[in-house]
């Protein structure tokens, strides 16, 4: 059974930091893992991605503030979020893909940034 479980969300003041975790289990041959987010009244948007070999990509809105990392030994991806802004308020979702073009989503974790 595939499980994608996010954790680490919470309430933080603007300028603060949070670290999100995404643990993936029961999913064979994982390739890319990405973070997406959906703010209130907005469409879901891609935030960052890391490949199995460690190549990292970021959306322009978080580049320089967020860092994605990956521990393949435990199939976990992290999103270190620094200098958070109120516009970063969203539900953050983790998406795992495998080499067979299947993907799986987590239930999301809420991040709220107060001004």
Protein backbone atom coordinates (compact mmCIF):
# COMPACT_ATOMS: atom_id res chain seq x y z
CA UNK A 1 0.00 0.00 0.00
CA UNK A 2 1.43 3.34 -1.08
CA UNK A 3 1.62 5.99 1.60
CA UNK A 4 2.76 9.58 1.29
CA UNK A 5 2.71 11.39 4.62
CA UNK A 6 3.54 15.05 5.09
CA UNK A 7 4.36 16.63 8.43
CA UNK A 8 5.90 19.76 9.88
CA UNK A 9 3.32 22.39 9.03
CA UNK A 10 2.16 25.00 11.49
CA UNK A 11 1.73 28.66 12.28
CA UNK A 12 4.72 30.97 12.01
CA UNK A 13 5.30 34.69 11.84
CA UNK A 14 6.53 36.35 8.69
CA UNK A 15 10.28 35.97 8.41
CA UNK A 16 10.24 32.70 10.29
CA UNK A 17 11.12 29.18 9.21
CA UNK A 18 9.52 25.76 9.00
CA UNK A 19 10.75 22.38 7.86
CA UNK A 20 8.33 20.04 6.14
CA UNK A 21 8.87 16.31 5.79
CA UNK A 22 7.41 13.86 3.29
CA UNK A 23 7.76 10.15 4.00
CA UNK A 24 6.98 7.73 1.17
CA UNK A 25 6.41 4.02 1.69
CA UNK A 26 5.11 1.10 -0.32
CA UNK A 27 6.09 2.73 -3.61
CA UNK A 28 8.54 0.95 -5.88
CA UNK A 29 11.33 2.61 -7.82
CA UNK A 30 10.66 6.19 -6.79
CA UNK A 31 12.06 8.79 -9.14
CA UNK A 32 11.11 12.45 -8.60
CA UNK A 33 9.48 13.82 -5.47
CA UNK A 34 7.93 17.27 -5.52
CA UNK A 35 6.19 19.72 -3.25
CA UNK A 36 3.10 21.58 -4.39
CA UNK A 37 0.89 24.03 -2.53
CA UNK A 38 -2.60 25.42 -2.68
CA UNK A 39 -3.34 28.73 -1.06
CA UNK A 40 -6.82 29.91 -0.08
CA UNK A 41 -8.82 30.63 -3.22
CA UNK A 42 -5.92 29.66 -5.46
CA UNK A 43 -5.07 26.79 -7.75
CA UNK A 44 -2.51 24.22 -6.72
CA UNK A 45 0.97 25.24 -7.83
CA UNK A 46 4.29 23.48 -8.02
CA UNK A 47 6.91 24.61 -5.50
CA UNK A 48 10.01 22.44 -5.76
CA UNK A 49 11.23 19.10 -7.08
CA UNK A 50 14.16 16.80 -6.43
CA UNK A 51 15.18 13.89 -8.63
CA UNK A 52 16.53 10.59 -7.33
CA UNK A 53 20.03 11.77 -8.19
CA UNK A 54 19.60 14.98 -6.23
CA UNK A 55 18.93 17.52 -8.96
CA UNK A 56 16.80 20.29 -7.44
CA UNK A 57 14.39 22.69 -9.10
CA UNK A 58 12.38 25.55 -7.63
CA UNK A 59 9.59 27.84 -8.66
CA UNK A 60 10.56 31.49 -8.96
CA UNK A 61 8.33 32.39 -6.01
CA UNK A 62 10.41 30.35 -3.52
CA UNK A 63 13.87 30.30 -5.09
CA UNK A 64 16.46 31.48 -2.62
CA UNK A 65 14.18 30.94 0.38
CA UNK A 66 13.23 27.26 0.21
CA UNK A 67 15.55 24.27 0.02
CA UNK A 68 14.45 20.78 -0.95
CA UNK A 69 16.51 17.78 0.09
CA UNK A 70 16.17 14.04 0.00
CA UNK A 71 17.25 11.00 1.97
CA UNK A 72 16.89 8.00 -0.32
CA UNK A 73 17.75 5.58 2.48
CA UNK A 74 14.45 6.36 4.19
CA UNK A 75 12.47 7.62 1.17
CA UNK A 76 11.96 10.99 2.78
CA UNK A 77 12.06 14.45 1.28
CA UNK A 78 12.36 17.68 3.24
CA UNK A 79 11.43 21.23 2.44
CA UNK A 80 13.28 23.83 4.49
CA UNK A 81 11.36 27.08 4.25
CA UNK A 82 13.08 30.26 5.39
CA UNK A 83 12.04 33.90 5.35
CA UNK A 84 8.42 32.88 5.09
CA UNK A 85 5.89 35.39 3.78
CA UNK A 86 2.13 35.61 4.28
CA UNK A 87 1.69 34.63 0.63
CA UNK A 88 3.33 31.29 1.43
CA UNK A 89 0.24 30.39 3.43
CA UNK A 90 -1.16 27.23 1.86
CA UNK A 91 -1.69 23.54 2.22
CA UNK A 92 1.54 21.89 1.13
CA UNK A 93 1.29 18.58 -0.68
CA UNK A 94 3.94 16.03 -1.49
CA UNK A 95 3.88 14.12 -4.77
CA UNK A 96 6.00 11.07 -5.45
CA UNK A 97 6.55 9.62 -8.91
CA UNK A 98 8.13 6.35 -9.95
CA UNK A 99 9.88 5.07 -13.04
CA UNK A 100 6.64 3.46 -14.23
CA UNK A 101 4.98 6.91 -14.49
CA UNK A 102 2.72 6.30 -11.51
CA UNK A 103 2.39 8.94 -8.87
CA UNK A 104 0.99 9.31 -5.39
CA UNK A 105 -0.11 12.28 -3.32
CA UNK A 106 -0.21 12.93 0.38
CA UNK A 107 -3.05 14.52 2.30
CA UNK A 108 -1.21 17.78 2.81
CA UNK A 109 0.03 19.82 5.74
CA UNK A 110 -1.14 23.34 6.55
CA UNK A 111 1.34 26.20 6.65
CA UNK A 112 0.08 29.54 7.92
CA UNK A 113 2.28 32.63 7.92
CA UNK A 114 1.04 35.60 9.92
CA UNK A 115 2.04 39.15 9.10
